[in-house]
Amino acid sequence: MINPFKKSFTYLLTGSFSIVFAACYGAPLDLQNPKLIKVKDDNNLAIQGLKVTLYENRKPIGEQFTNLDGSAEFYFAPKDKYNYSAKIEDVDGVENLGLFNTTEVNLNKESFIELNLQKTVK
């Protein structure tokens, strides 16, 4: 008789602890606000291999390269009174569809940015 009570109490106690733990240490805010940057050329083709650097008040805080579909995604928790921007630059030269101009974009409010980069004229 005491054994079923003890087992039920153990389930109740561990279940309650799991709920409290999840409430306190759930998904971080930076995982709830992704910023996606997608880059294409004039012919609407995705540009792979561009270096995308994320800045917080002009200080670099992250870096990625665009993937096959021309996108890079950053996860961070925006802070009030901070300015977020991204710099997109072609570091591989003419290898991927040509040489493109370096571009900077503001990321404070937008969660999705699609850019068409112009080729550098030589």
C-alpha atoms as a PDB file:
ATOM      1  CA  MET A   1       0.000   0.000   0.000  1.00  0.00           C
ATOM      2  CA  ILE A   2       2.795   2.443   0.772  1.00  0.00           C
ATOM      3  CA  ASN A   3       4.765   1.481  -2.357  1.00  0.00           C
ATOM      4  CA  PRO A   4       2.117   2.804  -4.870  1.00  0.00           C
ATOM      5  CA  PHE A   5       1.862   6.010  -2.855  1.00  0.00           C
ATOM      6  CA  LYS A   6       5.639   6.414  -2.876  1.00  0.00           C
ATOM      7  CA  LYS A   7       5.790   5.835  -6.652  1.00  0.00           C
ATOM      8  CA  SER A   8       3.004   8.360  -7.316  1.00  0.00           C
ATOM      9  CA  PHE A   9       4.665  10.913  -5.081  1.00  0.00           C
ATOM     10  CA  THR A  10       7.991  10.410  -6.909  1.00  0.00           C
ATOM     11  CA  TYR A  11       6.315  10.947 -10.312  1.00  0.00           C
ATOM     12  CA  LEU A  12       4.564  14.068  -9.031  1.00  0.00           C
ATOM     13  CA  LEU A  13       7.748  15.493  -7.541  1.00  0.00           C
ATOM     14  CA  THR A  14       9.935  14.853 -10.620  1.00  0.00           C
ATOM     15  CA  GLY A  15       7.226  16.118 -12.975  1.00  0.00           C
ATOM     16  CA  SER A  16       6.847  19.335 -10.984  1.00  0.00           C
ATOM     17  CA  PHE A  17      10.601  19.829 -10.962  1.00  0.00           C
ATOM     18  CA  SER A  18      10.746  19.367 -14.746  1.00  0.00           C
ATOM     19  CA  ILE A  19       8.061  22.011 -15.288  1.00  0.00           C
ATOM     20  CA  VAL A  20       9.794  24.517 -12.990  1.00  0.00           C
ATOM     21  CA  PHE A  21      13.154  23.827 -14.649  1.00  0.00           C
ATOM     22  CA  ALA A  22      11.691  24.358 -18.140  1.00  0.00           C
ATOM     23  CA  ALA A  23       9.976  27.571 -17.045  1.00  0.00           C
ATOM     24  CA  CYS A  24      13.179  29.000 -15.610  1.00  0.00           C
ATOM     25  CA  TYR A  25      15.645  27.727 -18.172  1.00  0.00           C
ATOM     26  CA  GLY A  26      13.537  27.417 -21.315  1.00  0.00           C
ATOM     27  CA  ALA A  27      14.498  28.501 -24.814  1.00  0.00           C
ATOM     28  CA  PRO A  28      16.861  31.468 -24.723  1.00  0.00           C
ATOM     29  CA  LEU A  29      15.613  34.725 -26.232  1.00  0.00           C
ATOM     30  CA  ASP A  30      18.300  34.700 -28.892  1.00  0.00           C
ATOM     31  CA  LEU A  31      16.804  31.531 -30.347  1.00  0.00           C
ATOM     32  CA  GLN A  32      13.390  33.164 -30.660  1.00  0.00           C
ATOM     33  CA  ASN A  33      14.441  36.064 -32.915  1.00  0.00           C
ATOM     34  CA  PRO A  34      16.445  34.804 -35.905  1.00  0.00           C
ATOM     35  CA  LYS A  35      17.733  37.256 -38.520  1.00  0.00           C
ATOM     36  CA  LEU A  36      17.911  35.839 -42.048  1.00  0.00           C
ATOM     37  CA  ILE A  37      19.905  37.499 -44.810  1.00  0.00           C
ATOM     38  CA  LYS A  38      19.446  36.156 -48.329  1.00  0.00           C
ATOM     39  CA  VAL A  39      21.681  37.352 -51.181  1.00  0.00           C
ATOM     40  CA  LYS A  40      21.091  37.083 -54.932  1.00  0.00           C
ATOM     41  CA  ASP A  41      22.677  38.547 -58.040  1.00  0.00           C
ATOM     42  CA  ASP A  42      21.053  40.581 -60.848  1.00  0.00           C
ATOM     43  CA  ASN A  43      19.850  37.366 -62.518  1.00  0.00           C
ATOM     44  CA  ASN A  44      18.081  36.262 -59.308  1.00  0.00           C
ATOM     45  CA  LEU A  45      20.648  33.493 -58.659  1.00  0.00           C
ATOM     46  CA  ALA A  46      21.669  32.745 -55.065  1.00  0.00           C
ATOM     47  CA  ILE A  47      25.257  33.701 -54.256  1.00  0.00           C
ATOM     48  CA  GLN A  48      27.111  31.140 -52.165  1.00  0.00           C
ATOM     49  CA  GLY A  49      30.306  31.830 -50.210  1.00  0.00           C
ATOM     50  CA  LEU A  50      29.810  35.492 -49.294  1.00  0.00           C
ATOM     51  CA  LYS A  51      31.157  36.496 -45.886  1.00  0.00           C
ATOM     52  CA  VAL A  52      28.437  37.958 -43.647  1.00  0.00           C
ATOM     53  CA  THR A  53      29.647  39.659 -40.458  1.00  0.00           C
ATOM     54  CA  LEU A  54      27.178  40.646 -37.726  1.00  0.00           C
ATOM     55  CA  TYR A  55      27.953  43.847 -35.787  1.00  0.00           C
ATOM     56  CA  GLU A  56      26.616  45.138 -32.471  1.00  0.00           C
ATOM     57  CA  ASN A  57      27.404  48.863 -32.149  1.00  0.00           C
ATOM     58  CA  ARG A  58      30.136  48.468 -34.803  1.00  0.00           C
ATOM     59  CA  LYS A  59      31.772  45.600 -32.893  1.00  0.00           C
ATOM     60  CA  PRO A  60      31.811  42.232 -34.740  1.00  0.00           C
ATOM     61  CA  ILE A  61      29.907  39.563 -32.792  1.00  0.00           C
ATOM     62  CA  GLY A  62      29.384  36.844 -35.413  1.00  0.00           C
ATOM     63  CA  GLU A  63      30.448  35.661 -38.824  1.00  0.00           C
ATOM     64  CA  GLN A  64      29.038  33.216 -41.372  1.00  0.00           C
ATOM     65  CA  PHE A  65      29.275  32.407 -45.049  1.00  0.00           C
ATOM     66  CA  THR A  66      26.191  32.211 -47.254  1.00  0.00           C
ATOM     67  CA  ASN A  67      25.090  28.669 -48.040  1.00  0.00           C
ATOM     68  CA  LEU A  68      23.863  27.102 -51.311  1.00  0.00           C
ATOM     69  CA  ASP A  69      20.635  29.115 -51.327  1.00  0.00           C
ATOM     70  CA  GLY A  70      22.548  32.362 -50.649  1.00  0.00           C
ATOM     71  CA  SER A  71      21.416  32.800 -47.060  1.00  0.00           C
ATOM     72  CA  ALA A  72      23.009  33.283 -43.653  1.00  0.00           C
ATOM     73  CA  GLU A  73      21.039  33.171 -40.413  1.00  0.00           C
ATOM     74  CA  PHE A  74      21.998  34.713 -37.072  1.00  0.00           C
ATOM     75  CA  TYR A  75      20.411  34.128 -33.673  1.00  0.00           C
ATOM     76  CA  PHE A  76      20.872  36.830 -31.071  1.00  0.00           C
ATOM     77  CA  ALA A  77      18.878  38.670 -28.424  1.00  0.00           C
ATOM     78  CA  PRO A  78      18.587  42.320 -29.494  1.00  0.00           C
ATOM     79  CA  LYS A  79      19.265  44.771 -26.690  1.00  0.00           C
ATOM     80  CA  ASP A  80      17.617  48.165 -26.392  1.00  0.00           C
ATOM     81  CA  LYS A  81      19.681  51.141 -27.567  1.00  0.00           C
ATOM     82  CA  TYR A  82      22.042  48.872 -29.528  1.00  0.00           C
ATOM     83  CA  ASN A  83      22.580  49.155 -33.250  1.00  0.00           C
ATOM     84  CA  TYR A  84      22.815  45.892 -35.212  1.00  0.00           C
ATOM     85  CA  SER A  85      24.133  45.678 -38.742  1.00  0.00           C
ATOM     86  CA  ALA A  86      25.602  43.157 -41.138  1.00  0.00           C
ATOM     87  CA  LYS A  87      28.346  43.543 -43.691  1.00  0.00           C
ATOM     88  CA  ILE A  88      28.225  41.304 -46.766  1.00  0.00           C
ATOM     89  CA  GLU A  89      31.470  40.978 -48.685  1.00  0.00           C
ATOM     90  CA  ASP A  90      32.815  38.814 -51.481  1.00  0.00           C
ATOM     91  CA  VAL A  91      36.025  37.235 -50.183  1.00  0.00           C
ATOM     92  CA  ASP A  92      36.507  34.558 -52.852  1.00  0.00           C
ATOM     93  CA  GLY A  93      36.924  36.942 -55.786  1.00  0.00           C
ATOM     94  CA  VAL A  94      35.372  35.952 -59.104  1.00  0.00           C
ATOM     95  CA  GLU A  95      34.782  32.271 -58.169  1.00  0.00           C
ATOM     96  CA  ASN A  96      31.045  32.392 -57.350  1.00  0.00           C
ATOM     97  CA  LEU A  97      29.173  34.186 -60.129  1.00  0.00           C
ATOM     98  CA  GLY A  98      31.659  37.095 -60.162  1.00  0.00           C
ATOM     99  CA  LEU A  99      33.061  39.762 -57.877  1.00  0.00           C
ATOM    100  CA  PHE A 100      30.404  41.663 -55.896  1.00  0.00           C
ATOM    101  CA  ASN A 101      30.363  45.006 -54.090  1.00  0.00           C
ATOM    102  CA  THR A 102      30.549  45.045 -50.296  1.00  0.00           C
ATOM    103  CA  THR A 103      27.210  46.037 -48.736  1.00  0.00           C
ATOM    104  CA  GLU A 104      26.078  46.937 -45.204  1.00  0.00           C
ATOM    105  CA  VAL A 105      22.494  46.575 -43.925  1.00  0.00           C
ATOM    106  CA  ASN A 106      20.713  47.558 -40.711  1.00  0.00           C
ATOM    107  CA  LEU A 107      19.207  44.631 -38.748  1.00  0.00           C
ATOM    108  CA  ASN A 108      17.418  46.360 -35.880  1.00  0.00           C
ATOM    109  CA  LYS A 109      13.795  45.774 -36.901  1.00  0.00           C
ATOM    110  CA  GLU A 110      13.842  43.447 -39.877  1.00  0.00           C
ATOM    111  CA  SER A 111      13.955  39.694 -39.348  1.00  0.00           C
ATOM    112  CA  PHE A 112      14.324  38.881 -43.049  1.00  0.00           C
ATOM    113  CA  ILE A 113      16.396  40.821 -45.557  1.00  0.00           C
ATOM    114  CA  GLU A 114      16.762  39.916 -49.204  1.00  0.00           C
ATOM    115  CA  LEU A 115      19.477  41.710 -51.167  1.00  0.00           C
ATOM    116  CA  ASN A 116      20.441  41.879 -54.816  1.00  0.00           C
ATOM    117  CA  LEU A 117      24.159  42.578 -55.012  1.00  0.00           C
ATOM    118  CA  GLN A 118      25.729  44.374 -57.943  1.00  0.00           C
ATOM    119  CA  LYS A 119      28.870  43.029 -59.590  1.00  0.00           C
ATOM    120  CA  THR A 120      31.999  45.123 -59.281  1.00  0.00           C
ATOM    121  CA  VAL A 121      32.825  46.702 -62.620  1.00  0.00           C
ATOM    122  CA  LYS A 122      36.494  46.549 -63.590  1.00  0.00           C
END
